[in-house]
Amino acid sequence: MTATEVRVLGPITATVNGAGARLGGPRPRAVLAALVLARGELVTEEQIIDAVWEEDLPDRPHRALHTYVAGLRRALEPGRGARQESSVLHRHPGGYRLVLDQDVVDAHRFAESVRAAAWAGAEGRPQEAVAAADRALRLWRGTAYADLGGLRFVQAERARLAELRSTAREIRVAALLDLGAHHLTLADSAELTAEAPLRESGWALRAQALYRCGRQAEAVAVLGSARRVLREELGVSPGPELARITERVLAHDPTLSWPAAAG
């Protein structure tokens, strides 16, 4: 059985039986991305052409698409005979369908691991939450679909995956705090607020980590920074989560400290 893996968390790559597949340049990679995003559903030729070329159409777009599909078939099924039907990239009337288990796509495994981390965290199993979050984050090689530039059809998925990455990192920090490993969260929580300054949950986790490390003044300063960013960027006041952590920090709430918070 051929073992195929497609990775989109970073530049698009594929392996077949452990060997790198030669996918070609940006256009064929974009064709593969359009099929991956369909998650096994049929994609019409017109949909693929609109996604891959946008307004910059070649003279014969359907012919160009057929050429790229043929190249992708050779790359993903190197042992397939010229007259054999493709078992990976099916041709249907009017379009194509990528026939691969979702588990072979790193973005799917990534999302499943983030869900597992969230579930474990919600169920009070912080060690499992950390393990699942780490499993997800190890798959991340950079911006999703990084080699497709500003093509519009990947923007929503790119944003979804980036949001999931921030969620995984927050779950990991929260679980480490539950385990009393607050000193291990300082760098990660600072990176969270730098990379996603509009996510209030990141600011709350960072303030809690600082407070537990005995750096109460810095926790207060961080919460002030959060209020300023939200006001300047969104014109809003902090939401309930950030308001609550601010009250608790200013009141020196004993339940913020370890191990009292875990009791």
C-alpha atoms as a PDB file:
ATOM      1  CA  MET A   1       0.000   0.000   0.000  1.00  0.00           C
ATOM      2  CA  THR A   2       1.309   3.461  -0.915  1.00  0.00           C
ATOM      3  CA  ALA A   3       1.812   5.784   2.038  1.00  0.00           C
ATOM      4  CA  THR A   4       1.107   9.387   1.042  1.00  0.00           C
ATOM      5  CA  GLU A   5       1.305  12.475   3.226  1.00  0.00           C
ATOM      6  CA  VAL A   6       0.403  16.036   2.303  1.00  0.00           C
ATOM      7  CA  ARG A   7       1.659  18.923   4.426  1.00  0.00           C
ATOM      8  CA  VAL A   8       0.222  22.421   4.181  1.00  0.00           C
ATOM      9  CA  LEU A   9       1.258  23.896   7.549  1.00  0.00           C
ATOM     10  CA  GLY A  10       4.039  25.866   5.904  1.00  0.00           C
ATOM     11  CA  PRO A  11       5.030  25.473   2.250  1.00  0.00           C
ATOM     12  CA  ILE A  12       3.025  22.726   0.537  1.00  0.00           C
ATOM     13  CA  THR A  13       4.914  19.446   0.371  1.00  0.00           C
ATOM     14  CA  ALA A  14       4.014  15.809  -0.157  1.00  0.00           C
ATOM     15  CA  THR A  15       5.766  12.524   0.448  1.00  0.00           C
ATOM     16  CA  VAL A  16       5.092   9.128  -1.095  1.00  0.00           C
ATOM     17  CA  ASN A  17       6.489   6.156   0.822  1.00  0.00           C
ATOM     18  CA  GLY A  18       8.770   8.563   2.671  1.00  0.00           C
ATOM     19  CA  ALA A  19      10.227  10.181  -0.454  1.00  0.00           C
ATOM     20  CA  GLY A  20       9.539  13.781  -1.366  1.00  0.00           C
ATOM     21  CA  ALA A  21       7.119  14.238  -4.264  1.00  0.00           C
ATOM     22  CA  ARG A  22       7.986  16.717  -6.998  1.00  0.00           C
ATOM     23  CA  LEU A  23       4.893  18.866  -7.050  1.00  0.00           C
ATOM     24  CA  GLY A  24       6.185  21.557  -9.383  1.00  0.00           C
ATOM     25  CA  GLY A  25       5.852  25.314  -9.040  1.00  0.00           C
ATOM     26  CA  PRO A  26       3.236  27.573  -7.460  1.00  0.00           C
ATOM     27  CA  ARG A  27       0.428  26.810  -9.947  1.00  0.00           C
ATOM     28  CA  PRO A  28       0.334  23.021  -9.559  1.00  0.00           C
ATOM     29  CA  ARG A  29       0.739  23.452  -5.813  1.00  0.00           C
ATOM     30  CA  ALA A  30      -2.257  25.765  -5.865  1.00  0.00           C
ATOM     31  CA  VAL A  31      -4.222  23.116  -7.787  1.00  0.00           C
ATOM     32  CA  LEU A  32      -3.334  20.581  -5.102  1.00  0.00           C
ATOM     33  CA  ALA A  33      -4.324  23.074  -2.388  1.00  0.00           C
ATOM     34  CA  ALA A  34      -7.739  23.626  -3.986  1.00  0.00           C
ATOM     35  CA  LEU A  35      -8.324  19.860  -3.970  1.00  0.00           C
ATOM     36  CA  VAL A  36      -7.066  19.452  -0.391  1.00  0.00           C
ATOM     37  CA  LEU A  37      -9.395  22.213   0.813  1.00  0.00           C
ATOM     38  CA  ALA A  38     -12.357  20.391  -0.750  1.00  0.00           C
ATOM     39  CA  ARG A  39     -11.765  17.512   1.713  1.00  0.00           C
ATOM     40  CA  GLY A  40     -12.595  14.782  -0.769  1.00  0.00           C
ATOM     41  CA  GLU A  41     -15.464  16.580  -2.480  1.00  0.00           C
ATOM     42  CA  LEU A  42     -15.617  17.180  -6.208  1.00  0.00           C
ATOM     43  CA  VAL A  43     -14.125  20.476  -7.407  1.00  0.00           C
ATOM     44  CA  THR A  44     -15.144  21.644 -10.856  1.00  0.00           C
ATOM     45  CA  GLU A  45     -12.535  22.710 -13.358  1.00  0.00           C
ATOM     46  CA  GLU A  46     -14.003  26.214 -13.337  1.00  0.00           C
ATOM     47  CA  GLN A  47     -13.664  26.417  -9.561  1.00  0.00           C
ATOM     48  CA  ILE A  48     -10.045  25.301  -9.690  1.00  0.00           C
ATOM     49  CA  ILE A  49      -9.215  27.719 -12.505  1.00  0.00           C
ATOM     50  CA  ASP A  50     -10.859  30.645 -10.697  1.00  0.00           C
ATOM     51  CA  ALA A  51      -8.964  29.785  -7.504  1.00  0.00           C
ATOM     52  CA  VAL A  52      -5.548  29.207  -9.039  1.00  0.00           C
ATOM     53  CA  TRP A  53      -5.392  31.954 -11.649  1.00  0.00           C
ATOM     54  CA  GLU A  54      -7.926  34.480 -10.342  1.00  0.00           C
ATOM     55  CA  GLU A  55      -7.910  37.270 -12.966  1.00  0.00           C
ATOM     56  CA  ASP A  56      -4.575  36.239 -14.518  1.00  0.00           C
ATOM     57  CA  LEU A  57      -5.915  33.528 -16.833  1.00  0.00           C
ATOM     58  CA  PRO A  58      -3.658  31.788 -19.364  1.00  0.00           C
ATOM     59  CA  ASP A  59      -4.753  31.523 -22.994  1.00  0.00           C
ATOM     60  CA  ARG A  60      -6.044  27.966 -22.561  1.00  0.00           C
ATOM     61  CA  PRO A  61      -6.766  27.526 -18.861  1.00  0.00           C
ATOM     62  CA  HIS A  62      -8.389  24.099 -19.104  1.00  0.00           C
ATOM     63  CA  ARG A  63      -5.433  22.713 -21.010  1.00  0.00           C
ATOM     64  CA  ALA A  64      -3.034  24.215 -18.466  1.00  0.00           C
ATOM     65  CA  LEU A  65      -5.073  22.668 -15.643  1.00  0.00           C
ATOM     66  CA  HIS A  66      -4.992  19.231 -17.307  1.00  0.00           C
ATOM     67  CA  THR A  67      -1.213  19.500 -17.615  1.00  0.00           C
ATOM     68  CA  TYR A  68      -0.840  20.326 -13.921  1.00  0.00           C
ATOM     69  CA  VAL A  69      -3.180  17.506 -12.900  1.00  0.00           C
ATOM     70  CA  ALA A  70      -1.145  15.054 -14.963  1.00  0.00           C
ATOM     71  CA  GLY A  71       2.001  16.245 -13.228  1.00  0.00           C
ATOM     72  CA  LEU A  72       0.425  15.895  -9.801  1.00  0.00           C
ATOM     73  CA  ARG A  73      -0.683  12.360 -10.631  1.00  0.00           C
ATOM     74  CA  ARG A  74       2.876  11.446 -11.594  1.00  0.00           C
ATOM     75  CA  ALA A  75       4.184  13.001  -8.390  1.00  0.00           C
ATOM     76  CA  LEU A  76       1.643  11.373  -6.065  1.00  0.00           C
ATOM     77  CA  GLU A  77       1.580   7.981  -7.842  1.00  0.00           C
ATOM     78  CA  PRO A  78       5.094   7.450  -9.173  1.00  0.00           C
ATOM     79  CA  GLY A  79       4.516   3.755  -9.877  1.00  0.00           C
ATOM     80  CA  ARG A  80       1.286   4.155 -11.808  1.00  0.00           C
ATOM     81  CA  GLY A  81       1.298   2.941 -15.402  1.00  0.00           C
ATOM     82  CA  ALA A  82       0.376   5.331 -18.188  1.00  0.00           C
ATOM     83  CA  ARG A  83      -2.917   3.529 -18.858  1.00  0.00           C
ATOM     84  CA  GLN A  84      -3.829   2.917 -15.226  1.00  0.00           C
ATOM     85  CA  GLU A  85      -6.635   4.876 -13.631  1.00  0.00           C
ATOM     86  CA  SER A  86      -5.463   7.239 -10.904  1.00  0.00           C
ATOM     87  CA  SER A  87      -6.363   6.076  -7.398  1.00  0.00           C
ATOM     88  CA  VAL A  88      -5.525   9.435  -5.831  1.00  0.00           C
ATOM     89  CA  LEU A  89      -6.715  12.143  -8.199  1.00  0.00           C
ATOM     90  CA  HIS A  90     -10.007  11.078  -9.749  1.00  0.00           C
ATOM     91  CA  ARG A  91     -11.413  12.660 -12.882  1.00  0.00           C
ATOM     92  CA  HIS A  92     -15.175  13.194 -12.863  1.00  0.00           C
ATOM     93  CA  PRO A  93     -17.434  14.900 -15.391  1.00  0.00           C
ATOM     94  CA  GLY A  94     -16.492  18.554 -15.108  1.00  0.00           C
ATOM     95  CA  GLY A  95     -13.949  18.279 -12.326  1.00  0.00           C
ATOM     96  CA  TYR A  96     -11.591  16.416 -10.015  1.00  0.00           C
ATOM     97  CA  ARG A  97     -11.603  14.847  -6.584  1.00  0.00           C
ATOM     98  CA  LEU A  98      -8.619  14.122  -4.337  1.00  0.00           C
ATOM     99  CA  VAL A  99      -9.064  10.666  -2.820  1.00  0.00           C
ATOM    100  CA  LEU A 100      -6.944  10.604   0.319  1.00  0.00           C
ATOM    101  CA  ASP A 101      -7.797   9.878   3.920  1.00  0.00           C
ATOM    102  CA  GLN A 102      -8.014  13.139   5.840  1.00  0.00           C
ATOM    103  CA  ASP A 103      -5.485  11.771   8.327  1.00  0.00           C
ATOM    104  CA  VAL A 104      -2.707  12.022   5.741  1.00  0.00           C
ATOM    105  CA  VAL A 105      -3.123  15.819   5.617  1.00  0.00           C
ATOM    106  CA  ASP A 106      -1.208  17.535   8.424  1.00  0.00           C
ATOM    107  CA  ALA A 107      -3.827  20.278   8.810  1.00  0.00           C
ATOM    108  CA  HIS A 108      -6.458  17.672   9.683  1.00  0.00           C
ATOM    109  CA  ARG A 109      -4.251  15.967  12.265  1.00  0.00           C
ATOM    110  CA  PHE A 110      -3.367  19.392  13.641  1.00  0.00           C
ATOM    111  CA  ALA A 111      -7.014  20.379  14.109  1.00  0.00           C
ATOM    112  CA  GLU A 112      -7.862  17.015  15.706  1.00  0.00           C
ATOM    113  CA  SER A 113      -5.004  17.380  18.192  1.00  0.00           C
ATOM    114  CA  VAL A 114      -6.121  20.903  19.107  1.00  0.00           C
ATOM    115  CA  ARG A 115      -9.631  19.580  19.745  1.00  0.00           C
ATOM    116  CA  ALA A 116      -8.196  16.802  21.904  1.00  0.00           C
ATOM    117  CA  ALA A 117      -6.160  19.352  23.862  1.00  0.00           C
ATOM    118  CA  ALA A 118      -9.225  21.535  24.421  1.00  0.00           C
ATOM    119  CA  TRP A 119     -11.268  18.553  25.593  1.00  0.00           C
ATOM    120  CA  ALA A 120      -8.567  17.377  27.984  1.00  0.00           C
ATOM    121  CA  GLY A 121      -8.180  20.872  29.393  1.00  0.00           C
ATOM    122  CA  ALA A 122     -11.919  21.253  29.898  1.00  0.00           C
ATOM    123  CA  GLU A 123     -12.058  17.854  31.624  1.00  0.00           C
ATOM    124  CA  GLY A 124      -9.315  18.792  34.081  1.00  0.00           C
ATOM    125  CA  ARG A 125      -6.563  16.639  32.577  1.00  0.00           C
ATOM    126  CA  PRO A 126      -3.750  19.169  32.115  1.00  0.00           C
ATOM    127  CA  GLN A 127      -1.002  16.652  31.351  1.00  0.00           C
ATOM    128  CA  GLU A 128      -3.048  15.232  28.484  1.00  0.00           C
ATOM    129  CA  ALA A 129      -3.836  18.767  27.327  1.00  0.00           C
ATOM    130  CA  VAL A 130      -0.140  19.647  27.185  1.00  0.00           C
ATOM    131  CA  ALA A 131       0.673  16.434  25.306  1.00  0.00           C
ATOM    132  CA  ALA A 132      -2.083  17.001  22.731  1.00  0.00           C
ATOM    133  CA  ALA A 133      -1.165  20.663  22.268  1.00  0.00           C
ATOM    134  CA  ASP A 134       2.487  19.715  21.789  1.00  0.00           C
ATOM    135  CA  ARG A 135       1.442  17.102  19.247  1.00  0.00           C
ATOM    136  CA  ALA A 136      -0.424  19.763  17.294  1.00  0.00           C
ATOM    137  CA  LEU A 137       2.274  22.412  17.497  1.00  0.00           C
ATOM    138  CA  ARG A 138       5.000  20.033  16.306  1.00  0.00           C
ATOM    139  CA  LEU A 139       3.177  19.850  12.975  1.00  0.00           C
ATOM    140  CA  TRP A 140       3.404  23.607  12.434  1.00  0.00           C
ATOM    141  CA  ARG A 141       6.206  24.576  10.017  1.00  0.00           C
ATOM    142  CA  GLY A 142       5.119  28.157   9.365  1.00  0.00           C
ATOM    143  CA  THR A 143       2.235  30.063   7.802  1.00  0.00           C
ATOM    144  CA  ALA A 144      -0.207  27.614   6.273  1.00  0.00           C
ATOM    145  CA  TYR A 145      -0.045  27.411   2.477  1.00  0.00           C
ATOM    146  CA  ALA A 146       2.968  29.694   2.723  1.00  0.00           C
ATOM    147  CA  ASP A 147       4.043  29.331  -0.903  1.00  0.00           C
ATOM    148  CA  LEU A 148       0.684  30.423  -2.325  1.00  0.00           C
ATOM    149  CA  GLY A 149       1.163  34.076  -1.474  1.00  0.00           C
ATOM    150  CA  GLY A 150      -2.011  36.133  -1.451  1.00  0.00           C
ATOM    151  CA  LEU A 151      -4.296  33.807  -3.414  1.00  0.00           C
ATOM    152  CA  ARG A 152      -7.753  34.533  -2.098  1.00  0.00           C
ATOM    153  CA  PHE A 153      -9.047  30.974  -1.895  1.00  0.00           C
ATOM    154  CA  VAL A 154      -6.611  30.011   0.887  1.00  0.00           C
ATOM    155  CA  GLN A 155      -7.068  33.108   3.048  1.00  0.00           C
ATOM    156  CA  ALA A 156      -9.970  31.856   5.163  1.00  0.00           C
ATOM    157  CA  GLU A 157      -8.321  28.489   5.793  1.00  0.00           C
ATOM    158  CA  ARG A 158      -5.007  30.157   6.563  1.00  0.00           C
ATOM    159  CA  ALA A 159      -6.743  32.374   9.135  1.00  0.00           C
ATOM    160  CA  ARG A 160      -8.617  29.392  10.628  1.00  0.00           C
ATOM    161  CA  LEU A 161      -5.417  27.419  11.102  1.00  0.00           C
ATOM    162  CA  ALA A 162      -3.589  30.409  12.582  1.00  0.00           C
ATOM    163  CA  GLU A 163      -6.457  30.843  15.037  1.00  0.00           C
ATOM    164  CA  LEU A 164      -6.232  27.164  15.966  1.00  0.00           C
ATOM    165  CA  ARG A 165      -2.501  27.525  16.551  1.00  0.00           C
ATOM    166  CA  SER A 166      -3.099  30.417  18.946  1.00  0.00           C
ATOM    167  CA  THR A 167      -5.746  28.329  20.689  1.00  0.00           C
ATOM    168  CA  ALA A 168      -3.347  25.381  21.039  1.00  0.00           C
ATOM    169  CA  ARG A 169      -0.686  27.607  22.535  1.00  0.00           C
ATOM    170  CA  GLU A 170      -3.160  29.110  24.988  1.00  0.00           C
ATOM    171  CA  ILE A 171      -4.405  25.661  26.015  1.00  0.00           C
ATOM    172  CA  ARG A 172      -0.811  24.590  26.602  1.00  0.00           C
ATOM    173  CA  VAL A 173      -0.028  27.638  28.743  1.00  0.00           C
ATOM    174  CA  ALA A 174      -3.237  27.214  30.756  1.00  0.00           C
ATOM    175  CA  ALA A 175      -2.493  23.522  31.341  1.00  0.00           C
ATOM    176  CA  LEU A 176       1.064  24.262  32.470  1.00  0.00           C
ATOM    177  CA  LEU A 177      -0.331  26.829  34.887  1.00  0.00           C
ATOM    178  CA  ASP A 178      -2.695  24.159  36.232  1.00  0.00           C
ATOM    179  CA  LEU A 179       0.321  21.900  36.728  1.00  0.00           C
ATOM    180  CA  GLY A 180       2.198  24.584  38.647  1.00  0.00           C
ATOM    181  CA  ALA A 181       4.795  25.032  35.905  1.00  0.00           C
ATOM    182  CA  HIS A 182       4.216  28.779  35.665  1.00  0.00           C
ATOM    183  CA  HIS A 183       7.914  29.580  35.171  1.00  0.00           C
ATOM    184  CA  LEU A 184       7.776  27.592  31.921  1.00  0.00           C
ATOM    185  CA  THR A 185       4.964  29.750  30.531  1.00  0.00           C
ATOM    186  CA  LEU A 186       6.520  33.214  30.689  1.00  0.00           C
ATOM    187  CA  ALA A 187       8.181  33.197  27.273  1.00  0.00           C
ATOM    188  CA  ASP A 188       5.263  31.490  25.526  1.00  0.00           C
ATOM    189  CA  SER A 189       2.653  33.800  27.021  1.00  0.00           C
ATOM    190  CA  ALA A 190       4.716  36.851  26.033  1.00  0.00           C
ATOM    191  CA  GLU A 191       4.945  35.524  22.461  1.00  0.00           C
ATOM    192  CA  LEU A 192       1.188  34.949  22.447  1.00  0.00           C
ATOM    193  CA  THR A 193       0.411  38.580  23.217  1.00  0.00           C
ATOM    194  CA  ALA A 194       3.021  39.784  20.729  1.00  0.00           C
ATOM    195  CA  GLU A 195       1.683  37.637  17.889  1.00  0.00           C
ATOM    196  CA  ALA A 196      -2.036  37.961  18.661  1.00  0.00           C
ATOM    197  CA  PRO A 197      -2.449  41.185  20.654  1.00  0.00           C
ATOM    198  CA  LEU A 198      -6.223  41.302  20.190  1.00  0.00           C
ATOM    199  CA  ARG A 199      -6.819  37.937  21.902  1.00  0.00           C
ATOM    200  CA  GLU A 200      -7.769  38.811  25.463  1.00  0.00           C
ATOM    201  CA  SER A 201      -7.220  35.247  26.660  1.00  0.00           C
ATOM    202  CA  GLY A 202      -3.520  35.515  25.879  1.00  0.00           C
ATOM    203  CA  TRP A 203      -3.164  38.655  27.974  1.00  0.00           C
ATOM    204  CA  ALA A 204      -5.040  37.033  30.868  1.00  0.00           C
ATOM    205  CA  LEU A 205      -2.755  33.981  30.807  1.00  0.00           C
ATOM    206  CA  ARG A 206       0.345  36.147  30.664  1.00  0.00           C
ATOM    207  CA  ALA A 207      -0.795  38.212  33.653  1.00  0.00           C
ATOM    208  CA  GLN A 208      -1.587  35.069  35.629  1.00  0.00           C
ATOM    209  CA  ALA A 209       1.820  33.564  34.834  1.00  0.00           C
ATOM    210  CA  LEU A 210       3.604  36.724  35.962  1.00  0.00           C
ATOM    211  CA  TYR A 211       1.538  36.937  39.126  1.00  0.00           C
ATOM    212  CA  ARG A 212       2.302  33.333  40.063  1.00  0.00           C
ATOM    213  CA  CYS A 213       6.001  33.992  39.521  1.00  0.00           C
ATOM    214  CA  GLY A 214       5.857  36.780  42.109  1.00  0.00           C
ATOM    215  CA  ARG A 215       5.993  39.536  39.497  1.00  0.00           C
ATOM    216  CA  GLN A 216       2.761  41.290  40.445  1.00  0.00           C
ATOM    217  CA  ALA A 217       3.836  44.744  39.247  1.00  0.00           C
ATOM    218  CA  GLU A 218       4.608  43.334  35.799  1.00  0.00           C
ATOM    219  CA  ALA A 219       1.245  41.579  35.764  1.00  0.00           C
ATOM    220  CA  VAL A 220      -0.477  44.905  36.415  1.00  0.00           C
ATOM    221  CA  ALA A 221       1.598  46.546  33.652  1.00  0.00           C
ATOM    222  CA  VAL A 222       0.707  43.796  31.193  1.00  0.00           C
ATOM    223  CA  LEU A 223      -2.993  44.228  31.923  1.00  0.00           C
ATOM    224  CA  GLY A 224      -2.591  47.951  31.316  1.00  0.00           C
ATOM    225  CA  SER A 225      -0.986  47.189  27.968  1.00  0.00           C
ATOM    226  CA  ALA A 226      -3.904  44.943  27.087  1.00  0.00           C
ATOM    227  CA  ARG A 227      -6.425  47.698  27.839  1.00  0.00           C
ATOM    228  CA  ARG A 228      -4.437  50.174  25.754  1.00  0.00           C
ATOM    229  CA  VAL A 229      -4.143  47.829  22.759  1.00  0.00           C
ATOM    230  CA  LEU A 230      -7.849  47.014  22.799  1.00  0.00           C
ATOM    231  CA  ARG A 231      -8.778  50.681  23.067  1.00  0.00           C
ATOM    232  CA  GLU A 232      -6.413  51.830  20.301  1.00  0.00           C
ATOM    233  CA  GLU A 233      -7.010  48.962  17.880  1.00  0.00           C
ATOM    234  CA  LEU A 234     -10.669  48.137  18.426  1.00  0.00           C
ATOM    235  CA  GLY A 235     -12.024  51.068  20.413  1.00  0.00           C
ATOM    236  CA  VAL A 236     -13.361  48.712  23.098  1.00  0.00           C
ATOM    237  CA  SER A 237     -12.856  48.067  26.797  1.00  0.00           C
ATOM    238  CA  PRO A 238     -11.626  44.697  28.086  1.00  0.00           C
ATOM    239  CA  GLY A 239     -14.155  41.896  28.128  1.00  0.00           C
ATOM    240  CA  PRO A 240     -15.300  39.913  31.187  1.00  0.00           C
ATOM    241  CA  GLU A 241     -12.289  37.548  31.268  1.00  0.00           C
ATOM    242  CA  LEU A 242      -9.715  40.339  31.277  1.00  0.00           C
ATOM    243  CA  ALA A 243     -11.788  42.428  33.679  1.00  0.00           C
ATOM    244  CA  ARG A 244     -11.962  39.531  36.150  1.00  0.00           C
ATOM    245  CA  ILE A 245      -8.235  38.796  36.083  1.00  0.00           C
ATOM    246  CA  THR A 246      -7.521  42.508  36.527  1.00  0.00           C
ATOM    247  CA  GLU A 247      -9.733  42.661  39.629  1.00  0.00           C
ATOM    248  CA  ARG A 248      -8.115  39.543  41.069  1.00  0.00           C
ATOM    249  CA  VAL A 249      -4.556  40.768  40.457  1.00  0.00           C
ATOM    250  CA  LEU A 250      -5.259  44.182  42.003  1.00  0.00           C
ATOM    251  CA  ALA A 251      -6.959  42.543  44.993  1.00  0.00           C
ATOM    252  CA  HIS A 252      -4.111  40.005  45.438  1.00  0.00           C
ATOM    253  CA  ASP A 253      -6.693  37.241  45.233  1.00  0.00           C
ATOM    254  CA  PRO A 254      -5.102  34.223  46.980  1.00  0.00           C
ATOM    255  CA  THR A 255      -6.713  31.803  44.509  1.00  0.00           C
ATOM    256  CA  LEU A 256      -4.445  33.188  41.800  1.00  0.00           C
ATOM    257  CA  SER A 257      -1.404  31.730  43.503  1.00  0.00           C
ATOM    258  CA  TRP A 258      -0.069  28.208  43.244  1.00  0.00           C
ATOM    259  CA  PRO A 259      -0.996  25.779  44.744  1.00  0.00           C
ATOM    260  CA  ALA A 260      -4.082  27.483  46.182  1.00  0.00           C
ATOM    261  CA  ALA A 261      -5.551  27.936  42.687  1.00  0.00           C
ATOM    262  CA  ALA A 262      -5.460  24.192  42.110  1.00  0.00           C
ATOM    263  CA  GLY A 263      -7.239  23.283  45.324  1.00  0.00           C
END
